Amino acid sequence: MNPEKRIAELRGILQDHNYQYYVMDDPTIADGEYDSLLRELQSLEKENPNLVTSDSPTQRVGSRIRHLYGRTKIRWTWCRTGL
């Protein structure tokens, strides 16, 4: 598969998984699988910088954090003794 087609495919897959995880709160793949797909996309974009677009999952704010720490959800907790 040529890089342009694979990049488009990976972006679609990752965007679908982001929606399932963050909006629907129903992840469909393990964090490690997601990270593997994201690393593949990052590698292809690095090799083909002319194919990087602003809507790519690699260009989203927080994508580096997500890559380093997985798709960990942060939940607010309240101290029983107050602030």
Protein backbone atom coordinates (compact mmCIF):
# COMPACT_ATOMS: atom_id res chain seq x y z
CA MET A 1 0.00 0.00 0.00
CA ASN A 2 1.37 3.40 -0.85
CA PRO A 3 2.06 5.84 2.01
CA GLU A 4 -0.73 8.25 1.06
CA LYS A 5 -3.38 5.51 1.22
CA ARG A 6 -2.01 4.01 4.44
CA ILE A 7 -1.86 7.43 6.13
CA ALA A 8 -5.49 8.10 5.16
CA GLU A 9 -6.49 4.66 6.44
CA LEU A 10 -4.66 5.11 9.75
CA ARG A 11 -6.18 8.56 10.29
CA GLY A 12 -9.67 7.16 9.78
CA ILE A 13 -9.04 4.24 12.12
CA LEU A 14 -7.57 6.46 14.84
CA GLN A 15 -10.34 9.04 14.54
CA ASP A 16 -12.95 6.29 14.88
CA HIS A 17 -11.21 4.91 17.96
CA ASN A 18 -10.89 8.38 19.48
CA TYR A 19 -14.63 8.88 19.06
CA GLN A 20 -15.43 5.50 20.63
CA TYR A 21 -13.08 6.17 23.53
CA TYR A 22 -13.64 9.84 24.33
CA VAL A 23 -17.24 10.45 23.22
CA MET A 24 -18.94 7.09 23.62
CA ASP A 25 -16.78 5.98 26.59
CA ASP A 26 -16.61 2.55 24.95
CA PRO A 27 -13.07 1.74 23.74
CA THR A 28 -12.91 -0.89 21.03
CA ILE A 29 -9.17 -1.62 21.09
CA ALA A 30 -6.50 -1.87 23.77
CA ASP A 31 -4.29 1.15 24.47
CA GLY A 32 -1.25 -0.72 23.17
CA GLU A 33 -2.93 -1.37 19.81
CA TYR A 34 -3.95 2.29 19.56
CA ASP A 35 -0.40 3.41 20.39
CA SER A 36 1.00 1.06 17.75
CA LEU A 37 -1.29 2.54 15.08
CA LEU A 38 -0.40 6.08 16.19
CA ARG A 39 3.34 5.31 16.06
CA GLU A 40 2.93 3.89 12.55
CA LEU A 41 1.14 7.07 11.47
CA GLN A 42 3.80 9.26 13.09
CA SER A 43 6.53 7.32 11.29
CA LEU A 44 4.80 7.58 7.91
CA GLU A 45 4.20 11.30 8.38
CA LYS A 46 7.84 11.81 9.36
CA GLU A 47 8.96 9.99 6.20
CA ASN A 48 6.40 11.93 4.11
CA PRO A 49 6.11 15.44 5.62
CA ASN A 50 4.23 16.66 2.57
CA LEU A 51 1.34 14.39 3.62
CA VAL A 52 0.94 15.86 7.13
CA THR A 53 -2.38 17.68 7.57
CA SER A 54 -3.69 19.78 10.42
CA ASP A 55 -6.55 17.34 11.07
CA SER A 56 -4.25 14.35 11.58
CA PRO A 57 -4.47 12.67 15.01
CA THR A 58 -0.73 13.33 15.34
CA GLN A 59 -1.32 17.09 15.15
CA ARG A 60 -3.96 17.30 17.86
CA VAL A 61 -3.11 19.03 21.11
CA GLY A 62 -2.26 16.32 23.60
CA SER A 63 -1.28 13.69 21.03
CA ARG A 64 2.24 13.56 22.46
CA ILE A 65 0.88 13.11 25.97
CA ARG A 66 -1.53 10.44 24.77
CA HIS A 67 1.34 8.70 23.01
CA LEU A 68 3.52 8.71 26.13
CA TYR A 69 0.84 7.81 28.66
CA GLY A 70 -1.75 5.97 26.63
CA ARG A 71 -5.35 7.06 26.53
CA THR A 72 -5.63 7.46 30.27
CA LYS A 73 -8.77 9.22 31.38
CA ILE A 74 -8.45 11.78 34.07
CA ARG A 75 -11.38 11.87 36.43
CA TRP A 76 -11.97 14.68 38.86
CA THR A 77 -12.01 13.63 42.48
CA TRP A 78 -13.12 15.65 45.45
CA CYS A 79 -11.51 15.67 48.84
CA ARG A 80 -13.96 14.76 51.59
CA THR A 81 -12.54 17.48 53.83
CA GLY A 82 -13.11 20.20 51.25
CA LEU A 83 -10.63 22.49 49.59
